[in-house]
Amino acid sequence: MSRIGINFDKKGSGPQCSVGDWTTVHWVGRLKDGRVVTDSKMEGDQRPKTFTLGDHQVFKCWDLALT
């Protein structure tokens, strides 16, 4: 079992995600003490990540949490 926790700050407005769907997310990764270690809106071109759900293109916890 993973020790990674996932909190949803803002629920999406589209239909329920299923394995095989394209998914687009913004994210913030924080340590337990609140320090930010990754933030999609502060890195690179500030665009969200788009990936195929369940296709192992991202962290496994994303594939699990978004379905």
PDB file of N, CA and C in Angstrom:
ATOM      1  N   MET A   1       0.839  -1.191   0.000  1.00  0.00           N
ATOM      2  CA  MET A   1       0.000   0.000   0.000  1.00  0.00           C
ATOM      3  C   MET A   1       0.879   1.247   0.000  1.00  0.00           C
ATOM      4  N   SER A   2       0.468   2.222  -0.707  1.00  0.00           N
ATOM      5  CA  SER A   2       1.217   3.470  -0.817  1.00  0.00           C
ATOM      6  C   SER A   2       0.983   4.354   0.399  1.00  0.00           C
ATOM      7  N   ARG A   3       1.965   5.157   0.723  1.00  0.00           N
ATOM      8  CA  ARG A   3       1.819   6.127   1.802  1.00  0.00           C
ATOM      9  C   ARG A   3       1.510   7.504   1.246  1.00  0.00           C
ATOM     10  N   ILE A   4       1.252   7.581  -0.024  1.00  0.00           N
ATOM     11  CA  ILE A   4       0.932   8.862  -0.644  1.00  0.00           C
ATOM     12  C   ILE A   4      -0.534   9.167  -0.414  1.00  0.00           C
ATOM     13  N   GLY A   5      -0.803  10.359   0.077  1.00  0.00           N
ATOM     14  CA  GLY A   5      -2.181  10.799   0.267  1.00  0.00           C
ATOM     15  C   GLY A   5      -2.577  11.722  -0.870  1.00  0.00           C
ATOM     16  N   ILE A   6      -3.837  11.695  -1.228  1.00  0.00           N
ATOM     17  CA  ILE A   6      -4.334  12.543  -2.304  1.00  0.00           C
ATOM     18  C   ILE A   6      -5.540  13.315  -1.796  1.00  0.00           C
ATOM     19  N   ASN A   7      -5.483  14.620  -1.972  1.00  0.00           N
ATOM     20  CA  ASN A   7      -6.617  15.481  -1.643  1.00  0.00           C
ATOM     21  C   ASN A   7      -7.060  16.179  -2.913  1.00  0.00           C
ATOM     22  N   PHE A   8      -8.343  16.261  -3.120  1.00  0.00           N
ATOM     23  CA  PHE A   8      -8.881  16.979  -4.262  1.00  0.00           C
ATOM     24  C   PHE A   8      -9.313  18.360  -3.793  1.00  0.00           C
ATOM     25  N   ASP A   9      -8.624  19.407  -4.255  1.00  0.00           N
ATOM     26  CA  ASP A   9      -8.984  20.779  -3.888  1.00  0.00           C
ATOM     27  C   ASP A   9     -10.183  21.270  -4.681  1.00  0.00           C
ATOM     28  N   LYS A  10     -10.275  20.836  -5.920  1.00  0.00           N
ATOM     29  CA  LYS A  10     -11.367  21.265  -6.793  1.00  0.00           C
ATOM     30  C   LYS A  10     -11.767  20.087  -7.663  1.00  0.00           C
ATOM     31  N   LYS A  11     -12.997  19.673  -7.558  1.00  0.00           N
ATOM     32  CA  LYS A  11     -13.491  18.559  -8.354  1.00  0.00           C
ATOM     33  C   LYS A  11     -13.718  19.022  -9.787  1.00  0.00           C
ATOM     34  N   GLY A  12     -13.401  18.160 -10.733  1.00  0.00           N
ATOM     35  CA  GLY A  12     -13.617  18.476 -12.144  1.00  0.00           C
ATOM     36  C   GLY A  12     -15.092  18.575 -12.481  1.00  0.00           C
ATOM     37  N   SER A  13     -15.361  19.115 -13.632  1.00  0.00           N
ATOM     38  CA  SER A  13     -16.754  19.328 -14.041  1.00  0.00           C
ATOM     39  C   SER A  13     -17.209  18.342 -15.113  1.00  0.00           C
ATOM     40  N   GLY A  14     -16.310  17.494 -15.579  1.00  0.00           N
ATOM     41  CA  GLY A  14     -16.647  16.551 -16.634  1.00  0.00           C
ATOM     42  C   GLY A  14     -17.241  15.267 -16.086  1.00  0.00           C
ATOM     43  N   PRO A  15     -17.471  14.309 -16.979  1.00  0.00           N
ATOM     44  CA  PRO A  15     -18.021  13.014 -16.551  1.00  0.00           C
ATOM     45  C   PRO A  15     -17.000  12.213 -15.751  1.00  0.00           C
ATOM     46  N   GLN A  16     -17.462  11.174 -15.068  1.00  0.00           N
ATOM     47  CA  GLN A  16     -16.614  10.282 -14.281  1.00  0.00           C
ATOM     48  C   GLN A  16     -15.508   9.699 -15.161  1.00  0.00           C
ATOM     49  N   CYS A  17     -14.285   9.648 -14.654  1.00  0.00           N
ATOM     50  CA  CYS A  17     -13.152   9.095 -15.400  1.00  0.00           C
ATOM     51  C   CYS A  17     -13.194   7.574 -15.378  1.00  0.00           C
ATOM     52  N   SER A  18     -12.767   6.973 -16.469  1.00  0.00           N
ATOM     53  CA  SER A  18     -12.639   5.519 -16.571  1.00  0.00           C
ATOM     54  C   SER A  18     -11.271   5.197 -17.161  1.00  0.00           C
ATOM     55  N   VAL A  19     -10.774   3.998 -16.898  1.00  0.00           N
ATOM     56  CA  VAL A  19      -9.503   3.561 -17.469  1.00  0.00           C
ATOM     57  C   VAL A  19      -9.585   3.689 -18.987  1.00  0.00           C
ATOM     58  N   GLY A  20      -8.538   4.249 -19.571  1.00  0.00           N
ATOM     59  CA  GLY A  20      -8.489   4.458 -21.014  1.00  0.00           C
ATOM     60  C   GLY A  20      -8.867   5.867 -21.441  1.00  0.00           C
ATOM     61  N   ASP A  21      -9.511   6.631 -20.536  1.00  0.00           N
ATOM     62  CA  ASP A  21      -9.877   8.018 -20.839  1.00  0.00           C
ATOM     63  C   ASP A  21      -8.651   8.908 -20.814  1.00  0.00           C
ATOM     64  N   TRP A  22      -8.663   9.962 -21.608  1.00  0.00           N
ATOM     65  CA  TRP A  22      -7.663  11.018 -21.487  1.00  0.00           C
ATOM     66  C   TRP A  22      -8.071  11.869 -20.307  1.00  0.00           C
ATOM     67  N   THR A  23      -7.118  12.218 -19.482  1.00  0.00           N
ATOM     68  CA  THR A  23      -7.375  12.984 -18.268  1.00  0.00           C
ATOM     69  C   THR A  23      -6.428  14.175 -18.234  1.00  0.00           C
ATOM     70  N   THR A  24      -6.931  15.318 -17.794  1.00  0.00           N
ATOM     71  CA  THR A  24      -6.114  16.519 -17.690  1.00  0.00           C
ATOM     72  C   THR A  24      -6.209  17.055 -16.270  1.00  0.00           C
ATOM     73  N   VAL A  25      -5.058  17.240 -15.620  1.00  0.00           N
ATOM     74  CA  VAL A  25      -5.045  17.692 -14.228  1.00  0.00           C
ATOM     75  C   VAL A  25      -3.944  18.721 -13.984  1.00  0.00           C
ATOM     76  N   HIS A  26      -4.218  19.629 -13.057  1.00  0.00           N
ATOM     77  CA  HIS A  26      -3.182  20.445 -12.428  1.00  0.00           C
ATOM     78  C   HIS A  26      -2.913  19.787 -11.091  1.00  0.00           C
ATOM     79  N   TRP A  27      -1.715  19.945 -10.547  1.00  0.00           N
ATOM     80  CA  TRP A  27      -1.391  19.312  -9.271  1.00  0.00           C
ATOM     81  C   TRP A  27      -0.448  20.178  -8.458  1.00  0.00           C
ATOM     82  N   VAL A  28      -0.462  19.894  -7.153  1.00  0.00           N
ATOM     83  CA  VAL A  28       0.520  20.439  -6.220  1.00  0.00           C
ATOM     84  C   VAL A  28       0.957  19.271  -5.347  1.00  0.00           C
ATOM     85  N   GLY A  29       2.270  19.050  -5.255  1.00  0.00           N
ATOM     86  CA  GLY A  29       2.812  18.011  -4.377  1.00  0.00           C
ATOM     87  C   GLY A  29       3.410  18.664  -3.148  1.00  0.00           C
ATOM     88  N   ARG A  30       2.940  18.244  -1.960  1.00  0.00           N
ATOM     89  CA  ARG A  30       3.411  18.817  -0.702  1.00  0.00           C
ATOM     90  C   ARG A  30       3.929  17.727   0.222  1.00  0.00           C
ATOM     91  N   LEU A  31       4.919  18.089   1.026  1.00  0.00           N
ATOM     92  CA  LEU A  31       5.379  17.219   2.104  1.00  0.00           C
ATOM     93  C   LEU A  31       4.416  17.357   3.273  1.00  0.00           C
ATOM     94  N   LYS A  32       4.528  16.477   4.255  1.00  0.00           N
ATOM     95  CA  LYS A  32       3.624  16.528   5.408  1.00  0.00           C
ATOM     96  C   LYS A  32       3.668  17.862   6.138  1.00  0.00           C
ATOM     97  N   ASP A  33       4.821  18.534   6.102  1.00  0.00           N
ATOM     98  CA  ASP A  33       4.928  19.817   6.799  1.00  0.00           C
ATOM     99  C   ASP A  33       4.400  20.987   5.966  1.00  0.00           C
ATOM    100  N   GLY A  34       3.850  20.690   4.776  1.00  0.00           N
ATOM    101  CA  GLY A  34       3.244  21.726   3.954  1.00  0.00           C
ATOM    102  C   GLY A  34       4.132  22.320   2.874  1.00  0.00           C
ATOM    103  N   ARG A  35       5.428  21.990   2.893  1.00  0.00           N
ATOM    104  CA  ARG A  35       6.319  22.525   1.860  1.00  0.00           C
ATOM    105  C   ARG A  35       5.952  21.965   0.489  1.00  0.00           C
ATOM    106  N   VAL A  36       5.893  22.840  -0.498  1.00  0.00           N
ATOM    107  CA  VAL A  36       5.567  22.445  -1.866  1.00  0.00           C
ATOM    108  C   VAL A  36       6.819  21.926  -2.555  1.00  0.00           C
ATOM    109  N   VAL A  37       6.713  20.730  -3.158  1.00  0.00           N
ATOM    110  CA  VAL A  37       7.845  20.152  -3.882  1.00  0.00           C
ATOM    111  C   VAL A  37       7.596  20.106  -5.385  1.00  0.00           C
ATOM    112  N   THR A  38       6.359  20.222  -5.808  1.00  0.00           N
ATOM    113  CA  THR A  38       6.015  20.283  -7.223  1.00  0.00           C
ATOM    114  C   THR A  38       4.674  20.985  -7.375  1.00  0.00           C
ATOM    115  N   ASP A  39       4.555  21.785  -8.410  1.00  0.00           N
ATOM    116  CA  ASP A  39       3.316  22.539  -8.654  1.00  0.00           C
ATOM    117  C   ASP A  39       3.227  22.792 -10.160  1.00  0.00           C
ATOM    118  N   SER A  40       2.221  22.234 -10.794  1.00  0.00           N
ATOM    119  CA  SER A  40       2.108  22.339 -12.253  1.00  0.00           C
ATOM    120  C   SER A  40       1.930  23.781 -12.729  1.00  0.00           C
ATOM    121  N   LYS A  41       1.382  24.632 -11.894  1.00  0.00           N
ATOM    122  CA  LYS A  41       1.163  26.024 -12.297  1.00  0.00           C
ATOM    123  C   LYS A  41       2.406  26.886 -12.102  1.00  0.00           C
ATOM    124  N   MET A  42       3.464  26.325 -11.499  1.00  0.00           N
ATOM    125  CA  MET A  42       4.692  27.071 -11.258  1.00  0.00           C
ATOM    126  C   MET A  42       5.868  26.517 -12.061  1.00  0.00           C
ATOM    127  N   GLU A  43       5.662  25.408 -12.772  1.00  0.00           N
ATOM    128  CA  GLU A  43       6.749  24.752 -13.493  1.00  0.00           C
ATOM    129  C   GLU A  43       6.580  24.875 -15.001  1.00  0.00           C
ATOM    130  N   GLY A  44       7.674  24.925 -15.707  1.00  0.00           N
ATOM    131  CA  GLY A  44       7.656  24.885 -17.165  1.00  0.00           C
ATOM    132  C   GLY A  44       6.714  25.895 -17.783  1.00  0.00           C
ATOM    133  N   ASP A  45       5.805  25.409 -18.607  1.00  0.00           N
ATOM    134  CA  ASP A  45       4.880  26.293 -19.316  1.00  0.00           C
ATOM    135  C   ASP A  45       3.542  26.459 -18.589  1.00  0.00           C
ATOM    136  N   GLN A  46       3.432  26.018 -17.360  1.00  0.00           N
ATOM    137  CA  GLN A  46       2.263  26.153 -16.487  1.00  0.00           C
ATOM    138  C   GLN A  46       1.003  25.451 -17.007  1.00  0.00           C
ATOM    139  N   ARG A  47       1.153  24.522 -17.923  1.00  0.00           N
ATOM    140  CA  ARG A  47      -0.008  23.801 -18.445  1.00  0.00           C
ATOM    141  C   ARG A  47      -0.283  22.562 -17.603  1.00  0.00           C
ATOM    142  N   PRO A  48      -1.543  22.113 -17.560  1.00  0.00           N
ATOM    143  CA  PRO A  48      -1.853  20.879 -16.839  1.00  0.00           C
ATOM    144  C   PRO A  48      -1.280  19.666 -17.563  1.00  0.00           C
ATOM    145  N   LYS A  49      -1.236  18.551 -16.860  1.00  0.00           N
ATOM    146  CA  LYS A  49      -0.740  17.288 -17.418  1.00  0.00           C
ATOM    147  C   LYS A  49      -1.913  16.547 -18.046  1.00  0.00           C
ATOM    148  N   THR A  50      -1.759  16.085 -19.283  1.00  0.00           N
ATOM    149  CA  THR A  50      -2.764  15.266 -19.953  1.00  0.00           C
ATOM    150  C   THR A  50      -2.167  13.886 -20.183  1.00  0.00           C
ATOM    151  N   PHE A  51      -2.917  12.847 -19.806  1.00  0.00           N
ATOM    152  CA  PHE A  51      -2.428  11.478 -19.924  1.00  0.00           C
ATOM    153  C   PHE A  51      -3.598  10.518 -20.061  1.00  0.00           C
ATOM    154  N   THR A  52      -3.306   9.306 -20.498  1.00  0.00           N
ATOM    155  CA  THR A  52      -4.329   8.263 -20.598  1.00  0.00           C
ATOM    156  C   THR A  52      -4.421   7.555 -19.254  1.00  0.00           C
ATOM    157  N   LEU A  53      -5.577   7.595 -18.663  1.00  0.00           N
ATOM    158  CA  LEU A  53      -5.788   7.023 -17.333  1.00  0.00           C
ATOM    159  C   LEU A  53      -5.603   5.511 -17.363  1.00  0.00           C
ATOM    160  N   GLY A  54      -4.813   5.001 -16.425  1.00  0.00           N
ATOM    161  CA  GLY A  54      -4.575   3.573 -16.297  1.00  0.00           C
ATOM    162  C   GLY A  54      -3.493   3.034 -17.210  1.00  0.00           C
ATOM    163  N   ASP A  55      -2.810   3.911 -17.956  1.00  0.00           N
ATOM    164  CA  ASP A  55      -1.801   3.470 -18.913  1.00  0.00           C
ATOM    165  C   ASP A  55      -0.377   3.605 -18.353  1.00  0.00           C
ATOM    166  N   HIS A  56      -0.261   3.809 -17.041  1.00  0.00           N
ATOM    167  CA  HIS A  56       1.027   3.882 -16.352  1.00  0.00           C
ATOM    168  C   HIS A  56       1.929   4.996 -16.894  1.00  0.00           C
ATOM    169  N   GLN A  57       1.336   6.106 -17.314  1.00  0.00           N
ATOM    170  CA  GLN A  57       2.105   7.235 -17.835  1.00  0.00           C
ATOM    171  C   GLN A  57       2.477   8.218 -16.735  1.00  0.00           C
ATOM    172  N   VAL A  58       1.855   8.079 -15.570  1.00  0.00           N
ATOM    173  CA  VAL A  58       2.076   8.979 -14.436  1.00  0.00           C
ATOM    174  C   VAL A  58       2.222   8.150 -13.172  1.00  0.00           C
ATOM    175  N   PHE A  59       2.284   8.811 -12.021  1.00  0.00           N
ATOM    176  CA  PHE A  59       2.343   8.102 -10.744  1.00  0.00           C
ATOM    177  C   PHE A  59       1.138   7.180 -10.608  1.00  0.00           C
ATOM    178  N   LYS A  60       1.357   5.992 -10.101  1.00  0.00           N
ATOM    179  CA  LYS A  60       0.277   5.012  -9.955  1.00  0.00           C
ATOM    180  C   LYS A  60      -0.878   5.568  -9.116  1.00  0.00           C
ATOM    181  N   CYS A  61      -0.559   6.392  -8.119  1.00  0.00           N
ATOM    182  CA  CYS A  61      -1.623   6.928  -7.267  1.00  0.00           C
ATOM    183  C   CYS A  61      -2.605   7.782  -8.076  1.00  0.00           C
ATOM    184  N   TRP A  62      -2.127   8.452  -9.136  1.00  0.00           N
ATOM    185  CA  TRP A  62      -3.049   9.241  -9.973  1.00  0.00           C
ATOM    186  C   TRP A  62      -4.006   8.311 -10.705  1.00  0.00           C
ATOM    187  N   ASP A  63      -3.471   7.227 -11.281  1.00  0.00           N
ATOM    188  CA  ASP A  63      -4.338   6.262 -11.969  1.00  0.00           C
ATOM    189  C   ASP A  63      -5.395   5.708 -11.025  1.00  0.00           C
ATOM    190  N   LEU A  64      -5.031   5.472  -9.779  1.00  0.00           N
ATOM    191  CA  LEU A  64      -5.983   4.922  -8.805  1.00  0.00           C
ATOM    192  C   LEU A  64      -6.997   5.956  -8.338  1.00  0.00           C
ATOM    193  N   ALA A  65      -6.524   7.137  -8.025  1.00  0.00           N
ATOM    194  CA  ALA A  65      -7.396   8.154  -7.420  1.00  0.00           C
ATOM    195  C   ALA A  65      -8.394   8.763  -8.392  1.00  0.00           C
ATOM    196  N   LEU A  66      -8.052   8.840  -9.652  1.00  0.00           N
ATOM    197  CA  LEU A  66      -8.915   9.542 -10.611  1.00  0.00           C
ATOM    198  C   LEU A  66     -10.017   8.688 -11.196  1.00  0.00           C
ATOM    199  N   THR A  67      -9.993   7.381 -10.918  1.00  0.00           N
ATOM    200  CA  THR A  67     -11.069   6.512 -11.432  1.00  0.00           C
ATOM    201  C   THR A  67     -12.204   6.399 -10.452  1.00  0.00           C
TER     202      THR A  67
END
